[in-house]
Amino acid sequence: MSRIAFLVQGSAEEPYEVVFEKDGQVLTCSCTCTAARNNLMCKHRLGILKKKPKGIASDNLDELDTVYAWVDASHVRSALTELDTREKDLKELEKSYRQAKDSVNLIKSELVDLLKGELPSWAQEREPSDIS
């Protein structure tokens, strides 16, 4: 079994320990932060996995390339690729959601005006029977 550990400075005073272990085809990774202890994917592990490490406080940055090779040779790489795809999808959906929410809010505002007897600009040019 091969093991590489990094100290990563997070929000706590003491750095977290992020440990990668490779045993044959099996790659594991742990972190001492609260999120990881609660069985969540933490930003400390994900940053290294995505090749965007932040806050590494240990003096073994040269070992990142070994970890990257382990990741690339494991099923973790395909999961990370899928994660990237889904994150891009989510950004697009969030953009569409914001646009739809803005449209709904605009219509609600216009409805308030209509119910006060004020016609919005689009309604001033049409008869009620023309609006659909």
Protein backbone atom coordinates (compact mmCIF):
# COMPACT_ATOMS: atom_id res chain seq x y z
CA MET A 1 0.00 0.00 0.00
CA SER A 2 1.22 3.50 -0.88
CA ARG A 3 0.28 6.53 1.21
CA ILE A 4 0.63 10.28 0.65
CA ALA A 5 -0.58 12.84 3.19
CA PHE A 6 -0.95 16.59 2.78
CA LEU A 7 -1.60 19.24 5.37
CA VAL A 8 -4.23 21.62 4.02
CA GLN A 9 -5.04 24.89 5.71
CA GLY A 10 -8.77 25.31 6.02
CA SER A 11 -10.97 27.37 8.28
CA ALA A 12 -9.61 25.83 11.48
CA GLU A 13 -6.47 27.08 13.18
CA GLU A 14 -4.66 23.79 12.59
CA PRO A 15 -4.35 22.42 9.05
CA TYR A 16 -6.41 19.40 8.10
CA GLU A 17 -4.72 16.18 7.06
CA VAL A 18 -5.76 14.84 3.66
CA VAL A 19 -4.52 11.30 3.12
CA PHE A 20 -4.50 9.38 -0.16
CA GLU A 21 -3.88 5.64 -0.09
CA LYS A 22 -3.48 3.35 -3.08
CA ASP A 23 -3.77 -0.39 -2.65
CA GLY A 24 -3.70 -2.09 -6.03
CA GLN A 25 -6.57 -0.60 -8.03
CA VAL A 26 -8.26 0.86 -4.94
CA LEU A 27 -7.73 4.55 -4.18
CA THR A 28 -9.00 6.00 -0.93
CA CYS A 29 -8.85 9.51 0.44
CA SER A 30 -9.68 10.89 3.86
CA CYS A 31 -9.63 14.29 5.49
CA THR A 32 -9.76 15.30 9.11
CA CYS A 33 -12.20 18.19 8.55
CA THR A 34 -15.75 18.18 9.91
CA ALA A 35 -17.39 17.74 6.51
CA ALA A 36 -15.35 14.63 5.73
CA ARG A 37 -15.96 13.24 9.21
CA ASN A 38 -19.68 13.65 8.47
CA ASN A 39 -19.24 11.58 5.30
CA LEU A 40 -19.49 14.58 2.94
CA MET A 41 -17.17 15.50 0.10
CA CYS A 42 -14.99 18.29 1.45
CA LYS A 43 -13.36 21.08 -0.53
CA HIS A 44 -9.92 19.98 0.70
CA ARG A 45 -10.12 16.58 -0.98
CA LEU A 46 -12.03 17.85 -3.98
CA GLY A 47 -9.48 20.60 -4.63
CA ILE A 48 -6.68 18.07 -4.86
CA LEU A 49 -8.78 15.60 -6.85
CA LYS A 50 -9.68 18.30 -9.39
CA LYS A 51 -6.02 19.36 -9.67
CA LYS A 52 -6.85 22.73 -8.11
CA PRO A 53 -5.30 22.40 -4.67
CA LYS A 54 -5.58 25.35 -2.31
CA GLY A 55 -3.96 25.91 1.04
CA ILE A 56 -1.50 23.03 1.05
CA ALA A 57 0.71 23.75 4.04
CA SER A 58 2.92 20.67 3.88
CA ASP A 59 6.21 20.72 2.00
CA ASN A 60 5.42 17.81 -0.32
CA LEU A 61 3.80 19.55 -3.29
CA ASP A 62 5.96 17.40 -5.56
CA GLU A 63 3.83 14.41 -4.53
CA LEU A 64 0.71 15.92 -6.10
CA ASP A 65 1.73 14.48 -9.48
CA THR A 66 1.79 10.99 -7.98
CA VAL A 67 -1.69 11.47 -6.53
CA TYR A 68 -2.90 12.81 -9.89
CA ALA A 69 -1.54 9.69 -11.60
CA TRP A 70 -3.33 7.50 -9.05
CA VAL A 71 -6.57 9.38 -9.69
CA ASP A 72 -6.20 9.17 -13.46
CA ALA A 73 -5.67 5.39 -13.25
CA SER A 74 -8.73 4.83 -11.05
CA HIS A 75 -12.51 4.94 -11.28
CA VAL A 76 -12.28 8.25 -9.44
CA ARG A 77 -11.34 9.96 -12.73
CA SER A 78 -14.64 8.98 -14.41
CA ALA A 79 -16.59 10.09 -11.36
CA LEU A 80 -14.79 13.46 -11.45
CA THR A 81 -15.55 13.80 -15.18
CA GLU A 82 -19.22 13.09 -14.47
CA LEU A 83 -19.15 15.60 -11.61
CA ASP A 84 -17.73 18.29 -13.92
CA THR A 85 -20.47 17.58 -16.48
CA ARG A 86 -23.22 17.74 -13.86
CA GLU A 87 -21.81 20.94 -12.35
CA LYS A 88 -21.90 22.56 -15.80
CA ASP A 89 -25.48 21.32 -16.28
CA LEU A 90 -26.40 22.73 -12.89
CA LYS A 91 -24.96 26.15 -13.77
CA GLU A 92 -27.07 26.23 -16.92
CA LEU A 93 -30.17 25.20 -15.00
CA GLU A 94 -29.49 27.84 -12.35
CA LYS A 95 -29.20 30.45 -15.10
CA SER A 96 -32.51 29.31 -16.64
CA TYR A 97 -34.09 29.28 -13.18
CA ARG A 98 -32.97 32.87 -12.49
CA GLN A 99 -34.35 33.99 -15.85
CA ALA A 100 -37.68 32.25 -15.24
CA LYS A 101 -37.87 33.67 -11.72
CA ASP A 102 -37.22 37.18 -13.07
CA SER A 103 -39.99 36.68 -15.64
CA VAL A 104 -42.42 35.46 -12.98
CA ASN A 105 -41.59 38.42 -10.74
CA LEU A 106 -42.11 40.83 -13.63
CA ILE A 107 -45.50 39.30 -14.44
CA LYS A 108 -46.51 39.46 -10.78
CA SER A 109 -45.51 43.12 -10.67
CA GLU A 110 -47.54 43.81 -13.80
CA LEU A 111 -50.47 41.92 -12.30
CA VAL A 112 -50.32 44.13 -9.22
CA ASP A 113 -50.41 47.18 -11.49
CA LEU A 114 -53.35 45.76 -13.45
CA LEU A 115 -55.26 45.12 -10.23
CA LYS A 116 -54.70 48.76 -9.28
CA GLY A 117 -56.18 49.82 -12.61
CA GLU A 118 -52.83 50.66 -14.20
CA LEU A 119 -51.98 49.16 -17.57
CA PRO A 120 -48.42 47.99 -18.18
CA SER A 121 -46.88 49.20 -21.44
CA TRP A 122 -47.51 45.92 -23.29
CA ALA A 123 -51.24 46.02 -22.41
CA GLN A 124 -51.74 49.63 -23.54
CA GLU A 125 -51.30 48.63 -27.17
CA ARG A 126 -53.74 45.69 -27.10
CA GLU A 127 -57.36 44.95 -26.39
CA PRO A 128 -58.00 42.37 -23.66
CA SER A 129 -59.24 39.86 -26.27
CA ASP A 130 -55.86 40.14 -28.11
CA ILE A 131 -53.86 39.09 -25.07
CA SER A 132 -53.21 35.38 -24.77
